[in-house]
PDB file of N, CA and C in Angstrom:
ATOM      1  N   MET A   1      -8.201  -3.108 -28.242  1.00  0.00           N
ATOM      2  CA  MET A   1      -7.305  -2.489 -27.325  1.00  0.00           C
ATOM      3  C   MET A   1      -6.532  -1.425 -27.702  1.00  0.00           C
ATOM      4  N   THR A   2      -6.713   0.124 -26.584  1.00  0.00           N
ATOM      5  CA  THR A   2      -6.065   1.055 -26.403  1.00  0.00           C
ATOM      6  C   THR A   2      -4.905   0.859 -25.852  1.00  0.00           C
ATOM      7  N   SER A   3      -3.922   1.994 -26.848  1.00  0.00           N
ATOM      8  CA  SER A   3      -2.740   2.100 -26.989  1.00  0.00           C
ATOM      9  C   SER A   3      -2.152   2.293 -25.228  1.00  0.00           C
ATOM     10  N   PRO A   4      -0.790   2.022 -24.398  1.00  0.00           N
ATOM     11  CA  PRO A   4      -0.511   1.632 -22.982  1.00  0.00           C
ATOM     12  C   PRO A   4      -0.587   3.588 -22.784  1.00  0.00           C
ATOM     13  N   VAL A   5      -0.588   3.519 -21.523  1.00  0.00           N
ATOM     14  CA  VAL A   5      -0.639   4.920 -21.256  1.00  0.00           C
ATOM     15  C   VAL A   5       1.190   5.531 -20.749  1.00  0.00           C
ATOM     16  N   GLN A   6       1.329   6.450 -21.560  1.00  0.00           N
ATOM     17  CA  GLN A   6       3.041   6.678 -21.556  1.00  0.00           C
ATOM     18  C   GLN A   6       3.123   7.820 -20.330  1.00  0.00           C
ATOM     19  N   TYR A   7       3.079   7.394 -18.887  1.00  0.00           N
ATOM     20  CA  TYR A   7       2.746   8.429 -17.920  1.00  0.00           C
ATOM     21  C   TYR A   7       3.947   9.766 -18.171  1.00  0.00           C
ATOM     22  N   HIS A   8       5.015   8.788 -18.437  1.00  0.00           N
ATOM     23  CA  HIS A   8       6.410   9.636 -17.975  1.00  0.00           C
ATOM     24  C   HIS A   8       7.631   9.521 -19.285  1.00  0.00           C
ATOM     25  N   TYR A   9       6.460   9.246 -20.242  1.00  0.00           N
ATOM     26  CA  TYR A   9       7.357   8.684 -21.515  1.00  0.00           C
ATOM     27  C   TYR A   9       8.933  10.187 -21.707  1.00  0.00           C
ATOM     28  N   GLY A  10       9.890  10.024 -21.900  1.00  0.00           N
ATOM     29  CA  GLY A  10      10.958  11.185 -22.270  1.00  0.00           C
ATOM     30  C   GLY A  10      10.636  11.738 -20.702  1.00  0.00           C
ATOM     31  N   LYS A  11      10.500  11.917 -19.435  1.00  0.00           N
ATOM     32  CA  LYS A  11      11.150  12.740 -19.017  1.00  0.00           C
ATOM     33  C   LYS A  11      11.074  12.153 -17.834  1.00  0.00           C
ATOM     34  N   PHE A  12      11.401  10.618 -18.066  1.00  0.00           N
ATOM     35  CA  PHE A  12      11.803   9.557 -16.877  1.00  0.00           C
ATOM     36  C   PHE A  12      13.296   9.029 -16.273  1.00  0.00           C
ATOM     37  N   PRO A  13      14.914   9.386 -16.906  1.00  0.00           N
ATOM     38  CA  PRO A  13      14.452  10.510 -15.212  1.00  0.00           C
ATOM     39  C   PRO A  13      14.264  11.710 -15.121  1.00  0.00           C
ATOM     40  N   PRO A  14      14.173  12.788 -14.202  1.00  0.00           N
ATOM     41  CA  PRO A  14      14.247  14.618 -14.694  1.00  0.00           C
ATOM     42  C   PRO A  14      15.179  14.691 -14.572  1.00  0.00           C
ATOM     43  N   LYS A  15      15.085  15.922 -15.653  1.00  0.00           N
ATOM     44  CA  LYS A  15      17.030  16.513 -16.491  1.00  0.00           C
ATOM     45  C   LYS A  15      17.064  17.334 -15.380  1.00  0.00           C
ATOM     46  N   ASN A  16      16.582  17.986 -14.352  1.00  0.00           N
ATOM     47  CA  ASN A  16      17.035  19.037 -13.651  1.00  0.00           C
ATOM     48  C   ASN A  16      15.915  18.369 -11.952  1.00  0.00           C
ATOM     49  N   ILE A  17      16.887  17.992 -10.906  1.00  0.00           N
ATOM     50  CA  ILE A  17      16.837  17.831  -9.172  1.00  0.00           C
ATOM     51  C   ILE A  17      17.459  19.109  -8.790  1.00  0.00           C
ATOM     52  N   ASP A  18      16.424  19.416  -7.832  1.00  0.00           N
ATOM     53  CA  ASP A  18      16.502  19.972  -7.295  1.00  0.00           C
ATOM     54  C   ASP A  18      18.245  19.586  -5.552  1.00  0.00           C
ATOM     55  N   TRP A  19      18.994  19.337  -6.010  1.00  0.00           N
ATOM     56  CA  TRP A  19      19.563  18.199  -4.961  1.00  0.00           C
ATOM     57  C   TRP A  19      19.557  19.576  -3.789  1.00  0.00           C
ATOM     58  N   LEU A  20      19.948  20.954  -3.513  1.00  0.00           N
ATOM     59  CA  LEU A  20      20.013  21.512  -2.650  1.00  0.00           C
ATOM     60  C   LEU A  20      19.197  21.257  -1.613  1.00  0.00           C
ATOM     61  N   ARG A  21      17.885  21.025  -2.556  1.00  0.00           N
ATOM     62  CA  ARG A  21      16.449  21.093  -1.544  1.00  0.00           C
ATOM     63  C   ARG A  21      16.975  19.694  -0.655  1.00  0.00           C
ATOM     64  N   LEU A  22      16.848  18.915  -1.168  1.00  0.00           N
ATOM     65  CA  LEU A  22      16.383  17.020  -1.667  1.00  0.00           C
ATOM     66  C   LEU A  22      16.858  16.510  -0.323  1.00  0.00           C
ATOM     67  N   ILE A  23      18.524  17.312  -0.672  1.00  0.00           N
ATOM     68  CA  ILE A  23      19.860  16.637  -0.244  1.00  0.00           C
ATOM     69  C   ILE A  23      19.220  16.048   2.112  1.00  0.00           C
ATOM     70  N   PRO A  24      19.571  17.803   2.605  1.00  0.00           N
ATOM     71  CA  PRO A  24      18.754  17.964   3.506  1.00  0.00           C
ATOM     72  C   PRO A  24      18.305  16.866   3.900  1.00  0.00           C
ATOM     73  N   LEU A  25      17.376  16.802   3.375  1.00  0.00           N
ATOM     74  CA  LEU A  25      15.791  15.561   3.937  1.00  0.00           C
ATOM     75  C   LEU A  25      16.591  14.538   4.239  1.00  0.00           C
ATOM     76  N   ILE A  26      17.464  14.109   3.477  1.00  0.00           N
ATOM     77  CA  ILE A  26      17.907  12.679   3.463  1.00  0.00           C
ATOM     78  C   ILE A  26      18.473  11.967   4.965  1.00  0.00           C
ATOM     79  N   GLY A  27      18.466  13.253   5.772  1.00  0.00           N
ATOM     80  CA  GLY A  27      19.080  12.869   6.486  1.00  0.00           C
ATOM     81  C   GLY A  27      17.732  12.460   8.121  1.00  0.00           C
ATOM     82  N   PRO A  28      16.409  13.538   8.174  1.00  0.00           N
ATOM     83  CA  PRO A  28      15.166  12.609   8.254  1.00  0.00           C
ATOM     84  C   PRO A  28      14.804  11.691   8.563  1.00  0.00           C
ATOM     85  N   ALA A  29      14.707  11.445   7.264  1.00  0.00           N
ATOM     86  CA  ALA A  29      14.300  10.974   6.589  1.00  0.00           C
ATOM     87  C   ALA A  29      14.680   9.679   7.179  1.00  0.00           C
ATOM     88  N   ASN A  30      16.220   8.965   6.908  1.00  0.00           N
ATOM     89  CA  ASN A  30      16.437   8.240   6.904  1.00  0.00           C
ATOM     90  C   ASN A  30      16.535   8.087   9.184  1.00  0.00           C
ATOM     91  N   ALA A  31      16.434   8.991   9.390  1.00  0.00           N
ATOM     92  CA  ALA A  31      16.382   8.989  11.076  1.00  0.00           C
ATOM     93  C   ALA A  31      14.530   8.394  11.608  1.00  0.00           C
ATOM     94  N   ALA A  32      13.839   9.167  10.730  1.00  0.00           N
ATOM     95  CA  ALA A  32      12.333   8.108  10.968  1.00  0.00           C
ATOM     96  C   ALA A  32      11.899   7.129  10.130  1.00  0.00           C
ATOM     97  N   LEU A  33      12.890   6.703   9.533  1.00  0.00           N
ATOM     98  CA  LEU A  33      12.712   4.636   9.450  1.00  0.00           C
ATOM     99  C   LEU A  33      13.314   4.079  10.130  1.00  0.00           C
ATOM    100  N   ALA A  34      14.596   4.778  11.194  1.00  0.00           N
ATOM    101  CA  ALA A  34      15.091   4.302  12.159  1.00  0.00           C
ATOM    102  C   ALA A  34      14.379   4.085  13.725  1.00  0.00           C
ATOM    103  N   ARG A  35      13.985   5.106  13.302  1.00  0.00           N
ATOM    104  CA  ARG A  35      12.986   5.067  14.535  1.00  0.00           C
ATOM    105  C   ARG A  35      12.022   4.261  14.457  1.00  0.00           C
ATOM    106  N   TYR A  36      11.069   3.969  13.761  1.00  0.00           N
ATOM    107  CA  TYR A  36      10.231   2.914  12.912  1.00  0.00           C
ATOM    108  C   TYR A  36      10.733   2.201  13.173  1.00  0.00           C
ATOM    109  N   ASP A  37      12.014   1.027  12.930  1.00  0.00           N
ATOM    110  CA  ASP A  37      12.385  -0.015  12.783  1.00  0.00           C
ATOM    111  C   ASP A  37      12.114  -0.068  14.308  1.00  0.00           C
ATOM    112  N   GLY A  38      13.295   0.432  15.124  1.00  0.00           N
ATOM    113  CA  GLY A  38      13.345  -0.154  16.034  1.00  0.00           C
ATOM    114  C   GLY A  38      11.610   0.544  16.875  1.00  0.00           C
ATOM    115  N   THR A  39      11.493   0.628  17.075  1.00  0.00           N
ATOM    116  CA  THR A  39       9.816   0.414  17.448  1.00  0.00           C
ATOM    117  C   THR A  39       8.751  -0.919  16.916  1.00  0.00           C
ATOM    118  N   LEU A  40       9.713  -0.961  15.966  1.00  0.00           N
ATOM    119  CA  LEU A  40       9.023  -2.615  15.417  1.00  0.00           C
ATOM    120  C   LEU A  40       9.918  -3.970  16.318  1.00  0.00           C
ATOM    121  N   ALA A  41      11.589  -3.176  16.548  1.00  0.00           N
ATOM    122  CA  ALA A  41      11.752  -4.132  17.065  1.00  0.00           C
ATOM    123  C   ALA A  41      11.781  -4.077  18.713  1.00  0.00           C
ATOM    124  N   ALA A  42      11.421  -3.771  18.898  1.00  0.00           N
ATOM    125  CA  ALA A  42      10.704  -3.619  20.179  1.00  0.00           C
ATOM    126  C   ALA A  42       9.722  -4.106  20.865  1.00  0.00           C
ATOM    127  N   ILE A  43       8.392  -4.190  20.251  1.00  0.00           N
ATOM    128  CA  ILE A  43       7.565  -4.783  20.503  1.00  0.00           C
ATOM    129  C   ILE A  43       7.539  -6.520  20.004  1.00  0.00           C
ATOM    130  N   PRO A  44       6.522  -7.531  20.849  1.00  0.00           N
ATOM    131  CA  PRO A  44       6.102  -8.401  20.726  1.00  0.00           C
ATOM    132  C   PRO A  44       6.094  -9.445  19.630  1.00  0.00           C
ATOM    133  N   ASN A  45       5.009  -8.001  18.505  1.00  0.00           N
ATOM    134  CA  ASN A  45       4.859  -8.640  17.605  1.00  0.00           C
ATOM    135  C   ASN A  45       4.146  -7.487  17.020  1.00  0.00           C
ATOM    136  N   PRO A  46       5.432  -8.015  15.573  1.00  0.00           N
ATOM    137  CA  PRO A  46       5.579  -6.028  14.858  1.00  0.00           C
ATOM    138  C   PRO A  46       4.556  -6.169  13.639  1.00  0.00           C
ATOM    139  N   SER A  47       4.008  -7.218  13.550  1.00  0.00           N
ATOM    140  CA  SER A  47       2.670  -8.020  12.356  1.00  0.00           C
ATOM    141  C   SER A  47       1.989  -6.863  12.556  1.00  0.00           C
ATOM    142  N   ILE A  48       1.503  -5.929  14.232  1.00  0.00           N
ATOM    143  CA  ILE A  48       0.873  -5.802  14.594  1.00  0.00           C
ATOM    144  C   ILE A  48       0.506  -4.429  13.688  1.00  0.00           C
ATOM    145  N   LEU A  49       1.568  -4.099  13.462  1.00  0.00           N
ATOM    146  CA  LEU A  49       1.814  -2.576  12.721  1.00  0.00           C
ATOM    147  C   LEU A  49       1.929  -2.018  11.664  1.00  0.00           C
ATOM    148  N   LEU A  50       2.715  -3.489  11.381  1.00  0.00           N
ATOM    149  CA  LEU A  50       2.976  -3.760   9.477  1.00  0.00           C
ATOM    150  C   LEU A  50       1.793  -3.906   9.256  1.00  0.00           C
ATOM    151  N   ALA A  51       0.606  -4.975   9.528  1.00  0.00           N
ATOM    152  CA  ALA A  51      -0.104  -5.260   8.664  1.00  0.00           C
ATOM    153  C   ALA A  51      -1.600  -4.496   8.310  1.00  0.00           C
ATOM    154  N   PRO A  52      -2.360  -3.434   9.112  1.00  0.00           N
ATOM    155  CA  PRO A  52      -2.923  -2.335   7.761  1.00  0.00           C
ATOM    156  C   PRO A  52      -1.444  -2.015   6.764  1.00  0.00           C
ATOM    157  N   LEU A  53      -0.198  -1.703   6.763  1.00  0.00           N
ATOM    158  CA  LEU A  53       0.428  -1.089   5.699  1.00  0.00           C
ATOM    159  C   LEU A  53       0.571  -2.246   4.614  1.00  0.00           C
ATOM    160  N   THR A  54      -0.182  -3.130   5.285  1.00  0.00           N
ATOM    161  CA  THR A  54       0.784  -4.862   3.608  1.00  0.00           C
ATOM    162  C   THR A  54      -0.865  -4.745   3.283  1.00  0.00           C
ATOM    163  N   THR A  55      -2.057  -4.281   4.164  1.00  0.00           N
ATOM    164  CA  THR A  55      -3.336  -4.848   3.211  1.00  0.00           C
ATOM    165  C   THR A  55      -3.995  -3.815   2.729  1.00  0.00           C
ATOM    166  N   GLN A  56      -3.008  -2.329   2.736  1.00  0.00           N
ATOM    167  CA  GLN A  56      -3.622  -0.942   2.427  1.00  0.00           C
ATOM    168  C   GLN A  56      -3.065  -1.144   1.002  1.00  0.00           C
ATOM    169  N   GLU A  57      -1.263  -1.943   1.087  1.00  0.00           N
ATOM    170  CA  GLU A  57      -0.985  -2.718  -0.463  1.00  0.00           C
ATOM    171  C   GLU A  57      -1.474  -3.348  -1.373  1.00  0.00           C
ATOM    172  N   ALA A  58      -1.983  -4.517  -0.491  1.00  0.00           N
ATOM    173  CA  ALA A  58      -2.615  -5.075  -1.915  1.00  0.00           C
ATOM    174  C   ALA A  58      -3.852  -4.546  -2.071  1.00  0.00           C
ATOM    175  N   VAL A  59      -4.501  -3.877  -1.443  1.00  0.00           N
ATOM    176  CA  VAL A  59      -5.504  -2.437  -2.062  1.00  0.00           C
ATOM    177  C   VAL A  59      -5.426  -2.069  -3.160  1.00  0.00           C
ATOM    178  N   LEU A  60      -4.335  -1.336  -2.446  1.00  0.00           N
ATOM    179  CA  LEU A  60      -3.785  -0.475  -4.367  1.00  0.00           C
ATOM    180  C   LEU A  60      -3.887  -1.334  -5.509  1.00  0.00           C
ATOM    181  N   SER A  61      -2.877  -2.140  -4.607  1.00  0.00           N
ATOM    182  CA  SER A  61      -2.242  -3.051  -6.364  1.00  0.00           C
ATOM    183  C   SER A  61      -3.455  -4.097  -6.945  1.00  0.00           C
ATOM    184  N   SER A  62      -4.476  -4.607  -6.278  1.00  0.00           N
ATOM    185  CA  SER A  62      -5.390  -5.247  -6.703  1.00  0.00           C
ATOM    186  C   SER A  62      -6.024  -4.284  -7.754  1.00  0.00           C
ATOM    187  N   LYS A  63      -5.785  -3.983  -7.737  1.00  0.00           N
ATOM    188  CA  LYS A  63      -7.235  -1.937  -8.211  1.00  0.00           C
ATOM    189  C   LYS A  63      -6.162  -2.216  -9.475  1.00  0.00           C
ATOM    190  N   ILE A  64      -5.040  -2.292  -9.897  1.00  0.00           N
ATOM    191  CA  ILE A  64      -4.084  -2.373 -10.477  1.00  0.00           C
ATOM    192  C   ILE A  64      -4.911  -3.510 -12.301  1.00  0.00           C
ATOM    193  N   GLU A  65      -5.116  -4.757 -11.530  1.00  0.00           N
ATOM    194  CA  GLU A  65      -5.621  -5.951 -12.312  1.00  0.00           C
ATOM    195  C   GLU A  65      -7.357  -5.938 -12.181  1.00  0.00           C
ATOM    196  N   GLY A  66      -7.422  -5.327 -12.254  1.00  0.00           N
ATOM    197  CA  GLY A  66      -9.048  -3.982 -11.890  1.00  0.00           C
ATOM    198  C   GLY A  66     -10.377  -5.019 -10.961  1.00  0.00           C
ATOM    199  N   THR A  67      -9.096  -5.195  -9.758  1.00  0.00           N
ATOM    200  CA  THR A  67     -10.235  -5.834  -8.098  1.00  0.00           C
ATOM    201  C   THR A  67     -10.828  -4.560  -7.475  1.00  0.00           C
ATOM    202  N   GLN A  68     -12.135  -4.362  -7.465  1.00  0.00           N
ATOM    203  CA  GLN A  68     -13.235  -3.845  -6.573  1.00  0.00           C
ATOM    204  C   GLN A  68     -13.041  -3.899  -5.781  1.00  0.00           C
ATOM    205  N   ALA A  69     -12.228  -3.957  -4.548  1.00  0.00           N
ATOM    206  CA  ALA A  69     -12.373  -3.680  -2.964  1.00  0.00           C
ATOM    207  C   ALA A  69     -11.572  -2.517  -2.364  1.00  0.00           C
ATOM    208  N   THR A  70     -12.637  -1.911  -1.182  1.00  0.00           N
ATOM    209  CA  THR A  70     -11.815  -0.414  -0.353  1.00  0.00           C
ATOM    210  C   THR A  70     -11.006  -1.413   0.682  1.00  0.00           C
ATOM    211  N   MET A  71     -10.190  -0.307   1.515  1.00  0.00           N
ATOM    212  CA  MET A  71      -9.728  -0.830   2.443  1.00  0.00           C
ATOM    213  C   MET A  71     -10.261  -1.717   3.726  1.00  0.00           C
ATOM    214  N   GLY A  72     -12.162  -0.212   3.966  1.00  0.00           N
ATOM    215  CA  GLY A  72     -12.567  -0.843   4.691  1.00  0.00           C
ATOM    216  C   GLY A  72     -13.325  -1.699   4.588  1.00  0.00           C
ATOM    217  N   GLU A  73     -13.703  -2.082   3.505  1.00  0.00           N
ATOM    218  CA  GLU A  73     -14.157  -3.738   2.563  1.00  0.00           C
ATOM    219  C   GLU A  73     -13.091  -4.271   3.574  1.00  0.00           C
ATOM    220  N   VAL A  74     -12.077  -4.558   2.909  1.00  0.00           N
ATOM    221  CA  VAL A  74     -11.079  -6.113   3.835  1.00  0.00           C
ATOM    222  C   VAL A  74     -10.811  -5.730   5.403  1.00  0.00           C
ATOM    223  N   LEU A  75     -10.913  -4.656   5.851  1.00  0.00           N
ATOM    224  CA  LEU A  75     -10.831  -4.983   7.343  1.00  0.00           C
ATOM    225  C   LEU A  75     -12.411  -5.527   7.965  1.00  0.00           C
ATOM    226  N   GLU A  76     -13.364  -5.105   7.241  1.00  0.00           N
ATOM    227  CA  GLU A  76     -14.647  -5.037   7.790  1.00  0.00           C
ATOM    228  C   GLU A  76     -15.197  -6.796   7.278  1.00  0.00           C
ATOM    229  N   PHE A  77     -13.887  -7.291   6.248  1.00  0.00           N
ATOM    230  CA  PHE A  77     -14.555  -8.924   6.578  1.00  0.00           C
ATOM    231  C   PHE A  77     -13.019  -9.680   7.507  1.00  0.00           C
ATOM    232  N   GLU A  78     -12.234  -9.222   7.083  1.00  0.00           N
ATOM    233  CA  GLU A  78     -10.958  -9.593   8.134  1.00  0.00           C
ATOM    234  C   GLU A  78     -11.644 -10.066   9.732  1.00  0.00           C
ATOM    235  N   ALA A  79     -11.883  -8.931  10.286  1.00  0.00           N
ATOM    236  CA  ALA A  79     -13.099  -8.285  11.368  1.00  0.00           C
ATOM    237  C   ALA A  79     -13.691  -9.034  11.851  1.00  0.00           C
ATOM    238  N   GLU A  80     -14.519  -9.447  11.060  1.00  0.00           N
ATOM    239  CA  GLU A  80     -15.706 -10.433  11.341  1.00  0.00           C
ATOM    240  C   GLU A  80     -15.510 -11.717  10.801  1.00  0.00           C
ATOM    241  N   GLY A  81     -14.222 -12.740  10.456  1.00  0.00           N
ATOM    242  CA  GLY A  81     -13.807 -13.216  10.323  1.00  0.00           C
ATOM    243  C   GLY A  81     -14.526 -14.248   8.964  1.00  0.00           C
ATOM    244  N   GLY A  82     -14.867 -13.165   8.090  1.00  0.00           N
ATOM    245  CA  GLY A  82     -15.455 -13.487   6.706  1.00  0.00           C
ATOM    246  C   GLY A  82     -16.556 -13.975   6.047  1.00  0.00           C
ATOM    247  N   SER A  83     -17.495 -13.849   7.833  1.00  0.00           N
ATOM    248  CA  SER A  83     -18.686 -13.496   7.475  1.00  0.00           C
ATOM    249  C   SER A  83     -19.780 -12.333   7.661  1.00  0.00           C
ATOM    250  N   ASN A  84     -19.023 -11.815   6.362  1.00  0.00           N
ATOM    251  CA  ASN A  84     -20.526 -10.295   6.122  1.00  0.00           C
ATOM    252  C   ASN A  84     -21.574 -10.616   5.189  1.00  0.00           C
ATOM    253  N   ASP A  85     -21.842 -10.311   4.535  1.00  0.00           N
ATOM    254  CA  ASP A  85     -23.255  -9.827   3.811  1.00  0.00           C
ATOM    255  C   ASP A  85     -22.948  -9.080   2.803  1.00  0.00           C
ATOM    256  N   LEU A  86     -21.463  -9.168   1.546  1.00  0.00           N
ATOM    257  CA  LEU A  86     -21.778  -8.800   0.744  1.00  0.00           C
ATOM    258  C   LEU A  86     -21.589 -10.146  -0.416  1.00  0.00           C
ATOM    259  N   PRO A  87     -22.983  -8.887  -1.420  1.00  0.00           N
ATOM    260  CA  PRO A  87     -22.876  -9.663  -2.376  1.00  0.00           C
ATOM    261  C   PRO A  87     -21.758 -10.233  -3.194  1.00  0.00           C
ATOM    262  N   GLN A  88     -21.924 -11.995  -3.914  1.00  0.00           N
ATOM    263  CA  GLN A  88     -20.739 -12.757  -4.354  1.00  0.00           C
ATOM    264  C   GLN A  88     -19.359 -12.284  -5.069  1.00  0.00           C
ATOM    265  N   GLN A  89     -19.837 -11.250  -6.338  1.00  0.00           N
ATOM    266  CA  GLN A  89     -18.845 -10.833  -7.148  1.00  0.00           C
ATOM    267  C   GLN A  89     -17.729  -9.975  -5.562  1.00  0.00           C
ATOM    268  N   LYS A  90     -17.942  -9.337  -5.549  1.00  0.00           N
ATOM    269  CA  LYS A  90     -17.245  -8.057  -4.098  1.00  0.00           C
ATOM    270  C   LYS A  90     -17.333  -8.620  -3.501  1.00  0.00           C
ATOM    271  N   LYS A  91     -17.600  -9.789  -2.563  1.00  0.00           N
ATOM    272  CA  LYS A  91     -17.096 -11.394  -1.515  1.00  0.00           C
ATOM    273  C   LYS A  91     -15.898 -11.427  -1.711  1.00  0.00           C
ATOM    274  N   ALA A  92     -16.061 -11.968  -3.252  1.00  0.00           N
ATOM    275  CA  ALA A  92     -14.582 -12.509  -3.787  1.00  0.00           C
ATOM    276  C   ALA A  92     -13.439 -11.751  -4.232  1.00  0.00           C
ATOM    277  N   ASP A  93     -13.440 -10.202  -4.653  1.00  0.00           N
ATOM    278  CA  ASP A  93     -13.432  -9.541  -4.942  1.00  0.00           C
ATOM    279  C   ASP A  93     -11.810  -9.015  -3.158  1.00  0.00           C
ATOM    280  N   VAL A  94     -12.678  -8.852  -2.453  1.00  0.00           N
ATOM    281  CA  VAL A  94     -12.919  -8.621  -1.138  1.00  0.00           C
ATOM    282  C   VAL A  94     -11.507  -9.979  -0.670  1.00  0.00           C
ATOM    283  N   ILE A  95     -11.705 -10.947  -0.792  1.00  0.00           N
ATOM    284  CA  ILE A  95     -10.849 -12.315  -0.881  1.00  0.00           C
ATOM    285  C   ILE A  95      -9.891 -12.512  -1.227  1.00  0.00           C
ATOM    286  N   ALA A  96     -10.039 -12.076  -2.680  1.00  0.00           N
ATOM    287  CA  ALA A  96      -8.910 -11.717  -3.049  1.00  0.00           C
ATOM    288  C   ALA A  96      -7.793 -11.301  -2.998  1.00  0.00           C
ATOM    289  N   VAL A  97      -8.031  -9.647  -2.209  1.00  0.00           N
ATOM    290  CA  VAL A  97      -7.295  -8.908  -1.367  1.00  0.00           C
ATOM    291  C   VAL A  97      -6.938  -9.160  -0.112  1.00  0.00           C
ATOM    292  N   ALA A  98      -7.664  -9.848   0.535  1.00  0.00           N
ATOM    293  CA  ALA A  98      -7.070  -9.982   2.051  1.00  0.00           C
ATOM    294  C   ALA A  98      -6.249 -10.896   1.548  1.00  0.00           C
ATOM    295  N   GLN A  99      -6.277 -11.684   0.820  1.00  0.00           N
ATOM    296  CA  GLN A  99      -5.578 -13.303   0.382  1.00  0.00           C
ATOM    297  C   GLN A  99      -3.749 -12.610   0.364  1.00  0.00           C
TER     298      GLN A  99
END
């Protein structure tokens, strides 16, 4: 077994943060999140907008576990009700991500 990759070893938290550049961005970012939250609150079924984000997060996090499924494969599988003609291993990966 190889040693783990140390992406930020000794580099996090950053020593020099450009606060003058970042602070003006906090207000607009907060306003954008508030608008998105307002949009979700105003529609009858907010999961319609959240489902693709949840699926995307599941695809990305499952790659860490070695699961091989793309966003397109998961969406196609869900759209077809689980009845597509994928190889057994690929289908198992897609089901793992979709759940």
